[in-house]
Amino acid sequence: MSSTAVGIRKLKDHLSEYVHRARDGEEFLITHHGEVVAELRPRARKSAPPIHPGISQMVSLGIARGETLNDPTLYSPPGITLSSGSVQELLDEERGDR
């Protein structure tokens, strides 16, 4: 994909237009006195993590529902619990130095 050069002043005067065009897939090289100083391009999309084959099989058998596999609202992170005390005391306890 080729990039279009645009001067910083023109970019400033028409920023919303260029942001919308970048969102739609265009890429721009931002220039200042003819020197390229920055780039404006669409944000890279994060792809969903791969689904384990066993989970895919469960979906195909109707045991699991595929549309919810990557829904972070369905899973709460486990709480981290530490016993009271300083880090050094915890390390000593773990190492058996107590």
N, C-alpha and C. Protein backbone atom coordinates (compact mmCIF):
# COMPACT_ATOMS: atom_id res chain seq x y z
N MET A 1 0.85 -1.17 0.00
CA MET A 1 0.00 0.00 0.00
C MET A 1 0.90 1.23 0.00
N SER A 2 0.59 2.19 -0.85
CA SER A 2 1.41 3.40 -0.91
C SER A 2 0.87 4.45 0.05
N SER A 3 1.77 5.30 0.49
CA SER A 3 1.40 6.36 1.42
C SER A 3 1.38 7.69 0.68
N THR A 4 0.50 8.57 1.09
CA THR A 4 0.40 9.90 0.53
C THR A 4 1.09 10.88 1.46
N ALA A 5 1.93 11.74 0.91
CA ALA A 5 2.61 12.75 1.72
C ALA A 5 1.67 13.92 1.95
N VAL A 6 1.66 14.43 3.17
CA VAL A 6 0.84 15.60 3.50
C VAL A 6 1.65 16.49 4.45
N GLY A 7 1.66 17.77 4.15
CA GLY A 7 2.37 18.71 4.99
C GLY A 7 1.68 18.89 6.34
N ILE A 8 2.47 19.18 7.34
CA ILE A 8 1.93 19.29 8.69
C ILE A 8 0.89 20.41 8.79
N ARG A 9 1.09 21.49 8.08
CA ARG A 9 0.11 22.59 8.13
C ARG A 9 -1.22 22.16 7.52
N LYS A 10 -1.15 21.46 6.37
CA LYS A 10 -2.39 20.98 5.73
C LYS A 10 -3.07 19.95 6.62
N LEU A 11 -2.27 19.09 7.25
CA LEU A 11 -2.82 18.09 8.16
C LEU A 11 -3.54 18.79 9.31
N LYS A 12 -2.91 19.80 9.87
CA LYS A 12 -3.51 20.54 10.99
C LYS A 12 -4.82 21.19 10.58
N ASP A 13 -4.84 21.77 9.38
CA ASP A 13 -6.06 22.45 8.91
C ASP A 13 -7.21 21.50 8.60
N HIS A 14 -6.89 20.24 8.30
CA HIS A 14 -7.91 19.27 7.89
C HIS A 14 -7.77 17.96 8.68
N LEU A 15 -7.42 18.07 9.96
CA LEU A 15 -7.11 16.89 10.75
C LEU A 15 -8.24 15.86 10.77
N SER A 16 -9.45 16.29 11.00
CA SER A 16 -10.58 15.34 11.06
C SER A 16 -10.70 14.53 9.77
N GLU A 17 -10.55 15.20 8.64
CA GLU A 17 -10.64 14.52 7.34
C GLU A 17 -9.57 13.43 7.24
N TYR A 18 -8.32 13.77 7.60
CA TYR A 18 -7.24 12.79 7.50
C TYR A 18 -7.41 11.64 8.48
N VAL A 19 -7.90 11.93 9.66
CA VAL A 19 -8.13 10.86 10.64
C VAL A 19 -9.20 9.90 10.13
N HIS A 20 -10.27 10.43 9.55
CA HIS A 20 -11.33 9.58 8.99
C HIS A 20 -10.78 8.74 7.83
N ARG A 21 -9.97 9.35 6.99
CA ARG A 21 -9.40 8.62 5.86
C ARG A 21 -8.45 7.52 6.34
N ALA A 22 -7.68 7.82 7.39
CA ALA A 22 -6.78 6.80 7.96
C ALA A 22 -7.59 5.66 8.55
N ARG A 23 -8.67 6.00 9.24
CA ARG A 23 -9.54 4.96 9.81
C ARG A 23 -10.07 4.05 8.70
N ASP A 24 -10.29 4.62 7.52
CA ASP A 24 -10.82 3.85 6.39
C ASP A 24 -9.73 3.11 5.62
N GLY A 25 -8.46 3.19 6.10
CA GLY A 25 -7.41 2.39 5.49
C GLY A 25 -6.29 3.14 4.80
N GLU A 26 -6.40 4.45 4.64
CA GLU A 26 -5.34 5.19 3.98
C GLU A 26 -4.16 5.43 4.92
N GLU A 27 -2.97 5.56 4.34
CA GLU A 27 -1.76 5.85 5.11
C GLU A 27 -1.18 7.16 4.60
N PHE A 28 -0.67 7.96 5.54
CA PHE A 28 -0.10 9.26 5.19
C PHE A 28 1.28 9.41 5.80
N LEU A 29 2.19 10.03 5.04
CA LEU A 29 3.49 10.44 5.56
C LEU A 29 3.38 11.92 5.86
N ILE A 30 3.63 12.29 7.10
CA ILE A 30 3.52 13.68 7.52
C ILE A 30 4.88 14.35 7.30
N THR A 31 4.87 15.47 6.58
CA THR A 31 6.12 16.15 6.27
C THR A 31 6.17 17.52 6.94
N HIS A 32 7.40 17.94 7.24
CA HIS A 32 7.66 19.28 7.78
C HIS A 32 8.83 19.83 6.99
N HIS A 33 8.57 20.88 6.20
CA HIS A 33 9.58 21.45 5.30
C HIS A 33 10.16 20.38 4.37
N GLY A 34 9.28 19.51 3.86
CA GLY A 34 9.67 18.50 2.89
C GLY A 34 10.29 17.23 3.49
N GLU A 35 10.51 17.19 4.79
CA GLU A 35 11.10 16.01 5.44
C GLU A 35 10.00 15.20 6.13
N VAL A 36 9.99 13.90 5.89
CA VAL A 36 9.01 13.03 6.55
C VAL A 36 9.36 12.95 8.03
N VAL A 37 8.38 13.31 8.88
CA VAL A 37 8.62 13.33 10.32
C VAL A 37 7.71 12.37 11.09
N ALA A 38 6.65 11.88 10.45
CA ALA A 38 5.72 11.00 11.14
C ALA A 38 4.87 10.27 10.11
N GLU A 39 4.11 9.31 10.61
CA GLU A 39 3.17 8.56 9.78
C GLU A 39 1.80 8.57 10.43
N LEU A 40 0.77 8.57 9.62
CA LEU A 40 -0.60 8.43 10.10
C LEU A 40 -1.19 7.26 9.33
N ARG A 41 -1.61 6.23 10.06
CA ARG A 41 -2.15 5.04 9.41
C ARG A 41 -3.22 4.43 10.29
N PRO A 42 -4.00 3.50 9.73
CA PRO A 42 -5.05 2.87 10.53
C PRO A 42 -4.43 2.10 11.70
N ARG A 43 -5.17 2.04 12.76
CA ARG A 43 -4.74 1.28 13.93
C ARG A 43 -4.74 -0.21 13.58
N ALA A 44 -3.70 -0.91 14.01
CA ALA A 44 -3.63 -2.34 13.76
C ALA A 44 -4.70 -3.03 14.60
N ARG A 45 -5.41 -3.91 13.99
CA ARG A 45 -6.45 -4.66 14.68
C ARG A 45 -5.83 -5.84 15.40
N LYS A 46 -6.23 -6.05 16.63
CA LYS A 46 -5.76 -7.23 17.35
C LYS A 46 -6.60 -8.41 16.92
N SER A 47 -5.92 -9.49 16.60
CA SER A 47 -6.67 -10.68 16.22
C SER A 47 -6.98 -11.48 17.49
N ALA A 48 -8.04 -12.20 17.43
CA ALA A 48 -8.45 -13.01 18.58
C ALA A 48 -7.41 -14.12 18.78
N PRO A 49 -7.16 -14.47 20.02
CA PRO A 49 -6.21 -15.55 20.25
C PRO A 49 -6.73 -16.85 19.66
N PRO A 50 -5.82 -17.72 19.24
CA PRO A 50 -6.28 -18.98 18.65
C PRO A 50 -7.05 -19.82 19.67
N ILE A 51 -8.02 -20.54 19.17
CA ILE A 51 -8.84 -21.39 20.04
C ILE A 51 -8.26 -22.80 20.01
N HIS A 52 -8.10 -23.37 21.17
CA HIS A 52 -7.55 -24.72 21.29
C HIS A 52 -8.45 -25.69 20.52
N PRO A 53 -7.85 -26.66 19.81
CA PRO A 53 -8.65 -27.61 19.03
C PRO A 53 -9.69 -28.35 19.86
N GLY A 54 -9.38 -28.63 21.11
CA GLY A 54 -10.35 -29.32 21.97
C GLY A 54 -11.59 -28.48 22.20
N ILE A 55 -11.39 -27.17 22.34
CA ILE A 55 -12.53 -26.26 22.52
C ILE A 55 -13.34 -26.20 21.24
N SER A 56 -12.64 -26.14 20.10
CA SER A 56 -13.35 -26.13 18.81
C SER A 56 -14.20 -27.37 18.66
N GLN A 57 -13.67 -28.50 19.09
CA GLN A 57 -14.44 -29.75 19.02
C GLN A 57 -15.66 -29.69 19.92
N MET A 58 -15.50 -29.11 21.11
CA MET A 58 -16.64 -28.97 22.03
C MET A 58 -17.72 -28.09 21.41
N VAL A 59 -17.31 -27.04 20.71
CA VAL A 59 -18.28 -26.16 20.04
C VAL A 59 -19.01 -26.95 18.96
N SER A 60 -18.25 -27.72 18.17
CA SER A 60 -18.89 -28.48 17.09
C SER A 60 -19.84 -29.54 17.62
N LEU A 61 -19.59 -30.05 18.83
CA LEU A 61 -20.48 -31.04 19.44
C LEU A 61 -21.65 -30.41 20.20
N GLY A 62 -21.63 -29.07 20.30
CA GLY A 62 -22.71 -28.39 20.99
C GLY A 62 -22.52 -28.32 22.50
N ILE A 63 -21.35 -28.69 22.98
CA ILE A 63 -21.08 -28.66 24.42
C ILE A 63 -20.73 -27.24 24.89
N ALA A 64 -20.11 -26.46 24.00
CA ALA A 64 -19.74 -25.07 24.31
C ALA A 64 -20.30 -24.17 23.23
N ARG A 65 -20.44 -22.89 23.54
CA ARG A 65 -20.93 -21.91 22.57
C ARG A 65 -19.78 -21.06 22.09
N GLY A 66 -19.55 -21.03 20.80
CA GLY A 66 -18.42 -20.34 20.21
C GLY A 66 -18.44 -18.83 20.35
N GLU A 67 -19.61 -18.23 20.36
CA GLU A 67 -19.68 -16.76 20.39
C GLU A 67 -19.21 -16.18 21.72
N THR A 68 -19.10 -17.01 22.73
CA THR A 68 -18.69 -16.50 24.05
C THR A 68 -17.25 -16.85 24.41
N LEU A 69 -16.53 -17.53 23.53
CA LEU A 69 -15.20 -18.01 23.90
C LEU A 69 -14.22 -16.89 24.21
N ASN A 70 -14.29 -15.79 23.52
CA ASN A 70 -13.34 -14.69 23.74
C ASN A 70 -14.00 -13.48 24.39
N ASP A 71 -15.06 -13.70 25.12
CA ASP A 71 -15.76 -12.59 25.79
C ASP A 71 -15.17 -12.38 27.17
N PRO A 72 -14.34 -11.32 27.36
CA PRO A 72 -13.68 -11.12 28.65
C PRO A 72 -14.63 -10.80 29.79
N THR A 73 -15.87 -10.42 29.47
CA THR A 73 -16.81 -10.09 30.55
C THR A 73 -17.32 -11.34 31.25
N LEU A 74 -17.10 -12.52 30.65
CA LEU A 74 -17.58 -13.75 31.25
C LEU A 74 -16.62 -14.33 32.28
N TYR A 75 -15.41 -13.83 32.29
CA TYR A 75 -14.40 -14.39 33.17
C TYR A 75 -13.83 -13.29 34.07
N SER A 76 -13.77 -13.55 35.34
CA SER A 76 -13.16 -12.57 36.24
C SER A 76 -11.77 -13.06 36.59
N PRO A 77 -10.81 -12.14 36.65
CA PRO A 77 -9.45 -12.55 36.96
C PRO A 77 -9.37 -13.06 38.40
N PRO A 78 -8.54 -14.05 38.64
CA PRO A 78 -8.42 -14.55 40.01
C PRO A 78 -7.80 -13.50 40.90
N GLY A 79 -8.28 -13.42 42.12
CA GLY A 79 -7.72 -12.48 43.06
C GLY A 79 -6.37 -12.95 43.55
N ILE A 80 -5.47 -12.03 43.74
CA ILE A 80 -4.15 -12.37 44.25
C ILE A 80 -4.16 -12.12 45.74
N THR A 81 -3.79 -13.13 46.49
CA THR A 81 -3.78 -12.97 47.94
C THR A 81 -2.38 -13.26 48.47
N LEU A 82 -1.93 -12.42 49.33
CA LEU A 82 -0.66 -12.59 49.99
C LEU A 82 -0.89 -12.54 51.48
N SER A 83 -0.14 -13.36 52.20
CA SER A 83 -0.25 -13.25 53.64
C SER A 83 0.39 -11.94 54.08
N SER A 84 0.02 -11.48 55.25
CA SER A 84 0.56 -10.21 55.71
C SER A 84 2.04 -10.37 56.03
N GLY A 85 2.78 -9.30 55.93
CA GLY A 85 4.21 -9.33 56.21
C GLY A 85 4.98 -8.66 55.10
N SER A 86 6.24 -8.42 55.37
CA SER A 86 7.07 -7.76 54.37
C SER A 86 7.49 -8.75 53.30
N VAL A 87 7.98 -8.23 52.21
CA VAL A 87 8.45 -9.07 51.12
C VAL A 87 9.60 -9.96 51.61
N GLN A 88 10.50 -9.37 52.38
CA GLN A 88 11.63 -10.15 52.90
C GLN A 88 11.15 -11.30 53.77
N GLU A 89 10.16 -11.07 54.63
CA GLU A 89 9.62 -12.13 55.47
C GLU A 89 9.00 -13.23 54.62
N LEU A 90 8.29 -12.85 53.58
CA LEU A 90 7.68 -13.83 52.70
C LEU A 90 8.74 -14.66 51.98
N LEU A 91 9.82 -13.99 51.52
CA LEU A 91 10.89 -14.72 50.85
C LEU A 91 11.59 -15.67 51.82
N ASP A 92 11.85 -15.18 53.03
CA ASP A 92 12.48 -16.03 54.04
C ASP A 92 11.63 -17.26 54.32
N GLU A 93 10.32 -17.03 54.43
CA GLU A 93 9.41 -18.14 54.70
C GLU A 93 9.42 -19.14 53.55
N GLU A 94 9.40 -18.63 52.30
CA GLU A 94 9.39 -19.48 51.13
C GLU A 94 10.68 -20.30 51.05
N ARG A 95 11.80 -19.70 51.39
CA ARG A 95 13.09 -20.37 51.30
C ARG A 95 13.37 -21.27 52.52
N GLY A 96 12.53 -21.16 53.53
CA GLY A 96 12.75 -21.96 54.73
C GLY A 96 13.80 -21.36 55.65
N ASP A 97 14.04 -20.05 55.52
CA ASP A 97 15.05 -19.36 56.33
C ASP A 97 14.50 -18.95 57.69
N ARG A 98 13.29 -19.26 57.99
CA ARG A 98 12.69 -18.86 59.26
C ARG A 98 12.80 -19.95 60.25
